[in-house]
C-alpha cells in the first residue's frame, strides 16, 4: 500500500480493501509508563512497582494496555493517510493478546479491511484491521477501527 505513505491524507475512494502498510518502530520506555500513569491516574502496581510485578504472572512490569493502544493511534497518524481527510473516528473493537514490556519495540500494521460509501456525507466509512507487533514479530494487540473519511470529489466514490 505505497499510497498510504504519502504525506497527506487519502480520500475515501482511494482506499482499497487488502492494501496494507507498517509503521516505523517505537520503543516503550519507563518514561512512557510513568507519564501515562500520571495522565490517566492508573497507578496499578503491575505497571508501576517492579517488586510487586516480579511475583505476578509476567514476572516484570508491563505497559498499560491503553498506553499501547494510544501509541498505536499515534503510529497510525504518523503514516499520514489520515491527514485532513478523516471526518471522525467512529468505533473500535480491540483485543489485548500479549503484554508489552519496557524496552519492547512495537510497530503498527494497518490493513484496509472494507469500505462502505455514505453518500450523504460525500465519503464513507473505512474499516481498518490493525495489529501492534513487537520486535519478535508477535501480535500484542489487534482489532478494527472504523473511520469516516471524506471523498475526493465530495462524493462517496
N, C-alpha and C. Protein backbone atom coordinates (compact mmCIF):
# COMPACT_ATOMS: atom_id res chain seq x y z
N UNK A 1 0.85 -1.17 0.00
CA UNK A 1 0.00 0.00 0.00
C UNK A 1 0.90 1.23 0.00
N UNK A 2 1.67 1.40 -1.04
CA UNK A 2 2.58 2.54 -1.13
C UNK A 2 1.84 3.87 -1.00
N UNK A 3 0.59 3.91 -1.47
CA UNK A 3 -0.19 5.14 -1.38
C UNK A 3 -0.34 5.64 0.05
N UNK A 4 -0.43 4.73 1.01
CA UNK A 4 -0.69 5.15 2.39
C UNK A 4 0.47 5.90 3.01
N UNK A 5 1.63 5.91 2.38
CA UNK A 5 2.77 6.57 2.98
C UNK A 5 2.98 8.00 2.48
N UNK A 6 2.13 8.48 1.61
CA UNK A 6 2.32 9.84 1.13
C UNK A 6 1.99 10.84 2.24
N UNK A 7 2.50 12.07 2.16
CA UNK A 7 2.43 13.00 3.30
C UNK A 7 1.09 13.68 3.55
N UNK A 8 0.07 13.41 2.76
CA UNK A 8 -1.26 13.97 3.02
C UNK A 8 -2.26 12.83 3.01
N UNK A 9 -3.43 13.10 3.55
CA UNK A 9 -4.41 12.05 3.73
C UNK A 9 -4.97 11.48 2.44
N UNK A 10 -5.50 10.27 2.56
CA UNK A 10 -6.18 9.63 1.46
C UNK A 10 -7.68 9.87 1.59
N UNK A 11 -8.33 10.03 0.45
CA UNK A 11 -9.77 10.17 0.43
C UNK A 11 -10.43 8.79 0.42
N UNK A 12 -11.70 8.76 0.79
CA UNK A 12 -12.44 7.51 0.89
C UNK A 12 -12.24 6.65 -0.35
N UNK A 13 -12.40 7.23 -1.52
CA UNK A 13 -12.34 6.46 -2.76
C UNK A 13 -10.93 5.99 -3.12
N UNK A 14 -9.92 6.38 -2.36
CA UNK A 14 -8.55 5.93 -2.61
C UNK A 14 -8.18 4.69 -1.78
N UNK A 15 -9.03 4.28 -0.85
CA UNK A 15 -8.77 3.10 -0.04
C UNK A 15 -9.27 1.85 -0.75
N UNK A 16 -8.42 0.84 -0.83
CA UNK A 16 -8.76 -0.42 -1.48
C UNK A 16 -8.59 -1.56 -0.48
N UNK A 17 -9.65 -2.34 -0.25
CA UNK A 17 -9.52 -3.47 0.67
C UNK A 17 -8.31 -4.34 0.31
N UNK A 18 -7.57 -4.71 1.33
CA UNK A 18 -6.36 -5.52 1.15
C UNK A 18 -5.08 -4.72 1.18
N UNK A 19 -5.15 -3.43 0.90
CA UNK A 19 -3.95 -2.59 0.99
C UNK A 19 -3.42 -2.62 2.42
N UNK A 20 -2.10 -2.61 2.59
CA UNK A 20 -1.51 -2.72 3.92
C UNK A 20 -0.22 -1.91 3.99
N UNK A 21 0.09 -1.45 5.20
CA UNK A 21 1.32 -0.70 5.44
C UNK A 21 1.73 -0.90 6.90
N UNK A 22 3.04 -0.79 7.16
CA UNK A 22 3.53 -0.87 8.54
C UNK A 22 4.24 0.41 8.91
N UNK A 23 4.10 0.77 10.18
CA UNK A 23 4.75 1.97 10.70
C UNK A 23 6.21 1.68 11.05
N UNK A 24 6.92 2.72 11.37
CA UNK A 24 8.24 2.59 11.96
C UNK A 24 8.08 2.03 13.38
N UNK A 25 9.15 1.56 13.95
CA UNK A 25 9.12 1.03 15.30
C UNK A 25 9.17 2.14 16.35
N UNK A 26 8.72 1.80 17.54
CA UNK A 26 8.71 2.74 18.68
C UNK A 26 9.01 1.93 19.93
N UNK A 27 10.11 2.25 20.62
CA UNK A 27 10.49 1.53 21.83
C UNK A 27 9.76 2.10 23.04
N UNK A 28 9.19 1.21 23.84
CA UNK A 28 8.43 1.59 25.04
C UNK A 28 9.41 1.81 26.19
N UNK A 29 9.29 2.94 26.86
CA UNK A 29 10.24 3.32 27.90
C UNK A 29 9.58 3.42 29.27
N UNK A 30 10.41 3.47 30.27
CA UNK A 30 9.98 3.75 31.64
C UNK A 30 9.20 5.06 31.69
N UNK A 31 9.72 6.06 31.01
CA UNK A 31 9.08 7.37 30.98
C UNK A 31 7.67 7.29 30.40
N UNK A 32 7.49 6.50 29.35
CA UNK A 32 6.15 6.31 28.77
C UNK A 32 5.18 5.83 29.84
N UNK A 33 5.58 4.82 30.58
CA UNK A 33 4.70 4.20 31.58
C UNK A 33 4.39 5.18 32.71
N UNK A 34 5.41 5.86 33.22
CA UNK A 34 5.19 6.81 34.32
C UNK A 34 4.32 7.97 33.85
N UNK A 35 4.59 8.49 32.67
CA UNK A 35 3.78 9.60 32.16
C UNK A 35 2.33 9.18 31.93
N UNK A 36 2.11 7.97 31.41
CA UNK A 36 0.74 7.51 31.19
C UNK A 36 0.02 7.29 32.52
N UNK A 37 0.73 6.74 33.50
CA UNK A 37 0.13 6.55 34.83
C UNK A 37 -0.30 7.90 35.41
N UNK A 38 0.56 8.90 35.27
CA UNK A 38 0.23 10.22 35.80
C UNK A 38 -0.95 10.84 35.04
N UNK A 39 -0.95 10.72 33.73
CA UNK A 39 -2.02 11.31 32.92
C UNK A 39 -3.36 10.63 33.17
N UNK A 40 -3.34 9.30 33.23
CA UNK A 40 -4.59 8.54 33.34
C UNK A 40 -5.04 8.33 34.78
N UNK A 41 -4.10 8.43 35.72
CA UNK A 41 -4.42 8.12 37.11
C UNK A 41 -4.35 6.63 37.41
N UNK A 42 -3.90 5.84 36.44
CA UNK A 42 -3.81 4.38 36.61
C UNK A 42 -2.41 4.02 37.12
N UNK A 43 -2.31 3.94 38.44
CA UNK A 43 -1.05 3.59 39.10
C UNK A 43 -1.06 2.12 39.52
N UNK A 44 -1.77 1.28 38.79
CA UNK A 44 -1.83 -0.14 39.10
C UNK A 44 -0.40 -0.68 39.27
N UNK A 45 -0.21 -1.48 40.31
CA UNK A 45 1.13 -1.95 40.66
C UNK A 45 1.79 -2.79 39.57
N UNK A 46 1.02 -3.47 38.75
CA UNK A 46 1.60 -4.29 37.68
C UNK A 46 2.35 -3.42 36.66
N UNK A 47 2.02 -2.13 36.64
CA UNK A 47 2.68 -1.20 35.72
C UNK A 47 3.78 -0.39 36.41
N UNK A 48 3.64 -0.16 37.70
CA UNK A 48 4.48 0.85 38.36
C UNK A 48 5.35 0.35 39.51
N UNK A 49 5.26 -0.91 39.89
CA UNK A 49 6.02 -1.41 41.03
C UNK A 49 6.77 -2.68 40.63
N UNK A 50 8.07 -2.56 40.41
CA UNK A 50 8.85 -3.70 39.92
C UNK A 50 8.92 -4.84 40.94
N UNK A 51 8.97 -4.54 42.23
CA UNK A 51 9.00 -5.59 43.26
C UNK A 51 7.70 -6.39 43.23
N UNK A 52 6.59 -5.70 43.17
CA UNK A 52 5.28 -6.36 43.09
C UNK A 52 5.19 -7.21 41.82
N UNK A 53 5.58 -6.63 40.70
CA UNK A 53 5.42 -7.29 39.40
C UNK A 53 6.24 -8.58 39.29
N UNK A 54 7.35 -8.68 40.01
CA UNK A 54 8.19 -9.89 39.95
C UNK A 54 7.42 -11.14 40.33
N UNK A 55 6.45 -11.01 41.23
CA UNK A 55 5.68 -12.15 41.70
C UNK A 55 4.37 -12.35 40.95
N UNK A 56 4.18 -11.62 39.88
CA UNK A 56 2.97 -11.72 39.07
C UNK A 56 3.23 -12.60 37.84
N UNK A 57 2.19 -13.01 37.12
CA UNK A 57 2.36 -13.96 36.02
C UNK A 57 3.39 -13.58 34.95
N UNK A 58 3.59 -12.28 34.69
CA UNK A 58 4.53 -11.89 33.64
C UNK A 58 5.95 -11.71 34.17
N UNK A 59 6.14 -11.72 35.50
CA UNK A 59 7.46 -11.65 36.10
C UNK A 59 8.13 -10.30 36.07
N UNK A 60 7.49 -9.33 35.50
CA UNK A 60 8.03 -7.97 35.41
C UNK A 60 6.88 -7.01 35.10
N UNK A 61 7.18 -5.72 35.21
CA UNK A 61 6.15 -4.73 34.89
C UNK A 61 5.77 -4.83 33.43
N UNK A 62 4.52 -4.49 33.16
CA UNK A 62 4.03 -4.44 31.78
C UNK A 62 3.46 -3.04 31.53
N UNK A 63 3.48 -2.65 30.27
CA UNK A 63 2.89 -1.38 29.87
C UNK A 63 1.38 -1.46 29.98
N UNK A 64 0.75 -0.35 30.29
CA UNK A 64 -0.71 -0.27 30.28
C UNK A 64 -1.21 -0.64 28.87
N UNK A 65 -2.24 -1.47 28.82
CA UNK A 65 -2.81 -1.81 27.52
C UNK A 65 -3.30 -0.58 26.77
N UNK A 66 -3.91 0.35 27.51
CA UNK A 66 -4.42 1.56 26.86
C UNK A 66 -3.29 2.51 26.43
N UNK A 67 -2.13 2.42 27.08
CA UNK A 67 -0.96 3.17 26.62
C UNK A 67 -0.56 2.67 25.24
N UNK A 68 -0.51 1.36 25.07
CA UNK A 68 -0.10 0.80 23.79
C UNK A 68 -1.14 1.12 22.71
N UNK A 69 -2.42 1.08 23.06
CA UNK A 69 -3.46 1.48 22.10
C UNK A 69 -3.27 2.95 21.71
N UNK A 70 -2.95 3.80 22.67
CA UNK A 70 -2.73 5.22 22.38
C UNK A 70 -1.52 5.41 21.47
N UNK A 71 -0.45 4.67 21.74
CA UNK A 71 0.74 4.77 20.89
C UNK A 71 0.41 4.25 19.49
N UNK A 72 -0.40 3.19 19.39
CA UNK A 72 -0.82 2.69 18.08
C UNK A 72 -1.55 3.78 17.30
N UNK A 73 -2.39 4.55 17.98
CA UNK A 73 -3.08 5.65 17.33
C UNK A 73 -2.08 6.68 16.79
N UNK A 74 -1.09 7.00 17.59
CA UNK A 74 -0.06 7.93 17.14
C UNK A 74 0.75 7.39 15.97
N UNK A 75 1.08 6.10 15.99
CA UNK A 75 1.81 5.49 14.87
C UNK A 75 0.97 5.54 13.60
N UNK A 76 -0.34 5.33 13.73
CA UNK A 76 -1.23 5.41 12.57
C UNK A 76 -1.23 6.82 11.99
N UNK A 77 -1.31 7.81 12.84
CA UNK A 77 -1.32 9.20 12.38
C UNK A 77 0.00 9.53 11.66
N UNK A 78 1.11 9.04 12.20
CA UNK A 78 2.42 9.29 11.57
C UNK A 78 2.51 8.73 10.16
N UNK A 79 1.72 7.71 9.85
CA UNK A 79 1.74 7.16 8.49
C UNK A 79 1.20 8.15 7.47
N UNK A 80 0.40 9.12 7.90
CA UNK A 80 -0.02 10.21 7.03
C UNK A 80 -1.32 10.02 6.28
N UNK A 81 -1.86 8.83 6.23
CA UNK A 81 -3.04 8.61 5.37
C UNK A 81 -4.31 9.22 5.94
N UNK A 82 -4.28 9.68 7.19
CA UNK A 82 -5.48 10.27 7.80
C UNK A 82 -5.47 11.80 7.80
N UNK A 83 -4.36 12.40 7.42
CA UNK A 83 -4.23 13.85 7.49
C UNK A 83 -5.29 14.58 6.67
N UNK A 84 -6.13 15.33 7.34
CA UNK A 84 -7.11 16.24 6.74
C UNK A 84 -8.23 15.57 5.96
N UNK A 85 -8.29 14.23 5.96
CA UNK A 85 -9.37 13.56 5.23
C UNK A 85 -10.29 12.77 6.16
N UNK A 86 -9.87 12.54 7.39
CA UNK A 86 -10.74 11.83 8.34
C UNK A 86 -11.70 12.82 8.97
N UNK A 87 -12.97 12.50 8.90
CA UNK A 87 -14.01 13.34 9.50
C UNK A 87 -14.22 12.95 10.96
N UNK A 88 -14.21 11.64 11.24
CA UNK A 88 -14.47 11.17 12.60
C UNK A 88 -13.93 9.77 12.79
N UNK A 89 -13.51 9.49 14.01
CA UNK A 89 -13.16 8.14 14.45
C UNK A 89 -14.47 7.58 14.99
N UNK A 90 -15.07 6.59 14.33
CA UNK A 90 -16.41 6.12 14.66
C UNK A 90 -16.44 5.05 15.74
N UNK A 91 -15.55 4.07 15.64
CA UNK A 91 -15.60 2.97 16.61
C UNK A 91 -14.31 2.16 16.56
N UNK A 92 -14.14 1.34 17.61
CA UNK A 92 -13.05 0.39 17.60
C UNK A 92 -13.46 -0.87 18.33
N UNK A 93 -12.87 -1.97 17.92
CA UNK A 93 -13.01 -3.27 18.56
C UNK A 93 -11.58 -3.72 18.79
N UNK A 94 -11.18 -3.98 20.04
CA UNK A 94 -9.77 -4.14 20.35
C UNK A 94 -9.53 -5.32 21.29
N UNK A 95 -8.46 -6.05 21.03
CA UNK A 95 -8.06 -7.20 21.85
C UNK A 95 -6.62 -6.99 22.33
N UNK A 96 -6.38 -7.37 23.57
CA UNK A 96 -5.05 -7.30 24.17
C UNK A 96 -4.53 -8.74 24.25
N UNK A 97 -3.61 -9.11 23.36
CA UNK A 97 -3.20 -10.50 23.20
C UNK A 97 -1.96 -10.88 24.01
N UNK A 98 -0.97 -10.00 24.05
CA UNK A 98 0.28 -10.27 24.75
C UNK A 98 0.72 -8.99 25.46
N UNK A 99 1.46 -9.15 26.56
CA UNK A 99 1.94 -7.95 27.26
C UNK A 99 3.06 -7.27 26.48
N UNK A 100 3.18 -5.97 26.70
CA UNK A 100 4.30 -5.19 26.18
C UNK A 100 5.12 -4.74 27.38
N UNK A 101 6.42 -4.97 27.32
CA UNK A 101 7.31 -4.65 28.44
C UNK A 101 8.15 -3.41 28.13
N UNK A 102 8.71 -2.83 29.16
CA UNK A 102 9.68 -1.75 28.99
C UNK A 102 10.83 -2.30 28.15
N UNK A 103 11.20 -1.57 27.12
CA UNK A 103 12.26 -1.99 26.22
C UNK A 103 11.77 -2.69 24.97
N UNK A 104 10.51 -3.10 24.93
CA UNK A 104 9.97 -3.69 23.70
C UNK A 104 9.83 -2.60 22.64
N UNK A 105 10.06 -2.98 21.40
CA UNK A 105 9.86 -2.07 20.28
C UNK A 105 8.66 -2.56 19.49
N UNK A 106 7.66 -1.70 19.39
CA UNK A 106 6.43 -2.08 18.69
C UNK A 106 6.30 -1.30 17.39
N UNK A 107 5.53 -1.86 16.49
CA UNK A 107 5.16 -1.18 15.24
C UNK A 107 3.72 -1.53 14.96
N UNK A 108 3.12 -0.80 14.05
CA UNK A 108 1.71 -0.98 13.73
C UNK A 108 1.56 -1.42 12.29
N UNK A 109 0.80 -2.50 12.08
CA UNK A 109 0.43 -2.93 10.73
C UNK A 109 -1.03 -2.54 10.52
N UNK A 110 -1.30 -1.82 9.44
CA UNK A 110 -2.65 -1.35 9.12
C UNK A 110 -3.06 -1.95 7.77
N UNK A 111 -4.23 -2.57 7.74
CA UNK A 111 -4.76 -3.14 6.51
C UNK A 111 -6.18 -2.63 6.31
N UNK A 112 -6.48 -2.19 5.09
CA UNK A 112 -7.86 -1.80 4.77
C UNK A 112 -8.68 -3.07 4.69
N UNK A 113 -9.67 -3.20 5.56
CA UNK A 113 -10.49 -4.41 5.60
C UNK A 113 -11.70 -4.28 4.68
N UNK A 114 -12.43 -3.17 4.82
CA UNK A 114 -13.58 -2.94 3.94
C UNK A 114 -13.93 -1.46 3.91
N UNK A 115 -14.70 -1.09 2.91
CA UNK A 115 -15.16 0.29 2.76
C UNK A 115 -16.66 0.27 2.53
N UNK A 116 -17.32 1.33 3.00
CA UNK A 116 -18.77 1.46 2.81
C UNK A 116 -19.08 2.92 2.52
N UNK A 117 -19.60 3.18 1.34
CA UNK A 117 -19.94 4.54 0.94
C UNK A 117 -21.07 5.10 1.80
N UNK A 118 -20.95 6.37 2.12
CA UNK A 118 -22.01 7.10 2.83
C UNK A 118 -22.25 8.37 2.00
N UNK A 119 -23.08 8.27 0.96
CA UNK A 119 -23.26 9.38 0.02
C UNK A 119 -23.67 10.70 0.66
N UNK A 120 -24.48 10.66 1.72
CA UNK A 120 -24.97 11.91 2.31
C UNK A 120 -23.85 12.77 2.90
N UNK A 121 -22.70 12.16 3.23
CA UNK A 121 -21.58 12.96 3.76
C UNK A 121 -20.48 13.17 2.72
N UNK A 122 -20.67 12.63 1.53
CA UNK A 122 -19.66 12.81 0.49
C UNK A 122 -18.39 12.03 0.75
N UNK A 123 -18.52 10.84 1.29
CA UNK A 123 -17.37 9.98 1.57
C UNK A 123 -17.85 8.62 2.01
N UNK A 124 -17.23 8.09 3.06
CA UNK A 124 -17.66 6.80 3.54
C UNK A 124 -16.88 6.33 4.75
N UNK A 125 -17.22 5.13 5.20
CA UNK A 125 -16.56 4.51 6.35
C UNK A 125 -15.51 3.54 5.83
N UNK A 126 -14.31 3.65 6.38
CA UNK A 126 -13.24 2.71 6.08
C UNK A 126 -12.99 1.91 7.35
N UNK A 127 -13.06 0.58 7.23
CA UNK A 127 -12.77 -0.30 8.35
C UNK A 127 -11.34 -0.80 8.17
N UNK A 128 -10.51 -0.51 9.17
CA UNK A 128 -9.11 -0.92 9.16
C UNK A 128 -8.89 -2.06 10.14
N UNK A 129 -8.14 -3.05 9.72
CA UNK A 129 -7.63 -4.08 10.63
C UNK A 129 -6.26 -3.60 11.08
N UNK A 130 -6.02 -3.60 12.39
CA UNK A 130 -4.74 -3.14 12.93
C UNK A 130 -4.12 -4.20 13.81
N UNK A 131 -2.80 -4.28 13.76
CA UNK A 131 -2.05 -5.19 14.61
C UNK A 131 -0.84 -4.45 15.18
N UNK A 132 -0.69 -4.50 16.49
CA UNK A 132 0.52 -3.99 17.15
C UNK A 132 1.46 -5.18 17.27
N UNK A 133 2.63 -5.04 16.69
CA UNK A 133 3.59 -6.15 16.59
C UNK A 133 4.86 -5.76 17.33
N UNK A 134 5.41 -6.70 18.12
CA UNK A 134 6.65 -6.40 18.84
C UNK A 134 7.88 -6.80 18.01
N UNK A 135 9.04 -6.62 18.62
CA UNK A 135 10.31 -6.87 17.94
C UNK A 135 10.50 -8.34 17.56
N UNK A 136 9.71 -9.24 18.13
CA UNK A 136 9.78 -10.66 17.80
C UNK A 136 8.71 -11.07 16.80
N UNK A 137 8.08 -10.08 16.18
CA UNK A 137 7.00 -10.30 15.21
C UNK A 137 5.78 -10.98 15.83
N UNK A 138 5.57 -10.77 17.14
CA UNK A 138 4.39 -11.29 17.82
C UNK A 138 3.33 -10.20 17.87
N UNK A 139 2.09 -10.57 17.63
CA UNK A 139 0.99 -9.62 17.72
C UNK A 139 0.63 -9.45 19.20
N UNK A 140 0.77 -8.24 19.70
CA UNK A 140 0.48 -7.93 21.10
C UNK A 140 -0.95 -7.41 21.29
N UNK A 141 -1.41 -6.65 20.33
CA UNK A 141 -2.78 -6.12 20.34
C UNK A 141 -3.28 -6.13 18.90
N UNK A 142 -4.60 -6.23 18.77
CA UNK A 142 -5.17 -6.24 17.42
C UNK A 142 -6.63 -5.81 17.49
N UNK A 143 -7.12 -5.37 16.36
CA UNK A 143 -8.52 -5.00 16.33
C UNK A 143 -8.89 -4.30 15.04
N UNK A 144 -10.04 -3.64 15.09
CA UNK A 144 -10.57 -2.91 13.94
C UNK A 144 -10.97 -1.50 14.36
N UNK A 145 -10.71 -0.56 13.48
CA UNK A 145 -11.15 0.81 13.67
C UNK A 145 -12.02 1.19 12.48
N UNK A 146 -13.11 1.90 12.74
CA UNK A 146 -13.93 2.48 11.69
C UNK A 146 -13.70 3.99 11.67
N UNK A 147 -13.27 4.49 10.51
CA UNK A 147 -13.06 5.93 10.34
C UNK A 147 -13.97 6.45 9.24
N UNK A 148 -14.58 7.59 9.48
CA UNK A 148 -15.40 8.26 8.48
C UNK A 148 -14.48 9.20 7.70
N UNK A 149 -14.41 8.99 6.39
CA UNK A 149 -13.46 9.74 5.56
C UNK A 149 -14.17 10.52 4.46
N UNK A 150 -13.59 11.65 4.11
CA UNK A 150 -14.09 12.46 3.02
C UNK A 150 -13.83 11.78 1.66
N UNK A 151 -14.73 12.00 0.72
CA UNK A 151 -14.49 11.58 -0.66
C UNK A 151 -13.67 12.64 -1.39
N UNK A 152 -13.00 12.25 -2.46
CA UNK A 152 -12.10 13.18 -3.17
C UNK A 152 -12.85 14.29 -3.90
N UNK A 153 -14.07 14.00 -4.33
CA UNK A 153 -14.83 14.99 -5.07
C UNK A 153 -16.09 15.39 -4.30
N UNK A 154 -16.07 15.15 -2.99
CA UNK A 154 -17.28 15.42 -2.22
C UNK A 154 -18.34 14.39 -2.44
N UNK A 155 -17.95 13.27 -3.09
CA UNK A 155 -18.87 12.18 -3.35
C UNK A 155 -18.33 10.93 -2.67
N UNK A 156 -19.16 9.95 -2.51
CA UNK A 156 -18.77 8.72 -1.83
C UNK A 156 -17.88 7.80 -2.67
N UNK A 157 -17.61 8.13 -3.89
CA UNK A 157 -16.70 7.35 -4.72
C UNK A 157 -17.34 6.19 -5.30
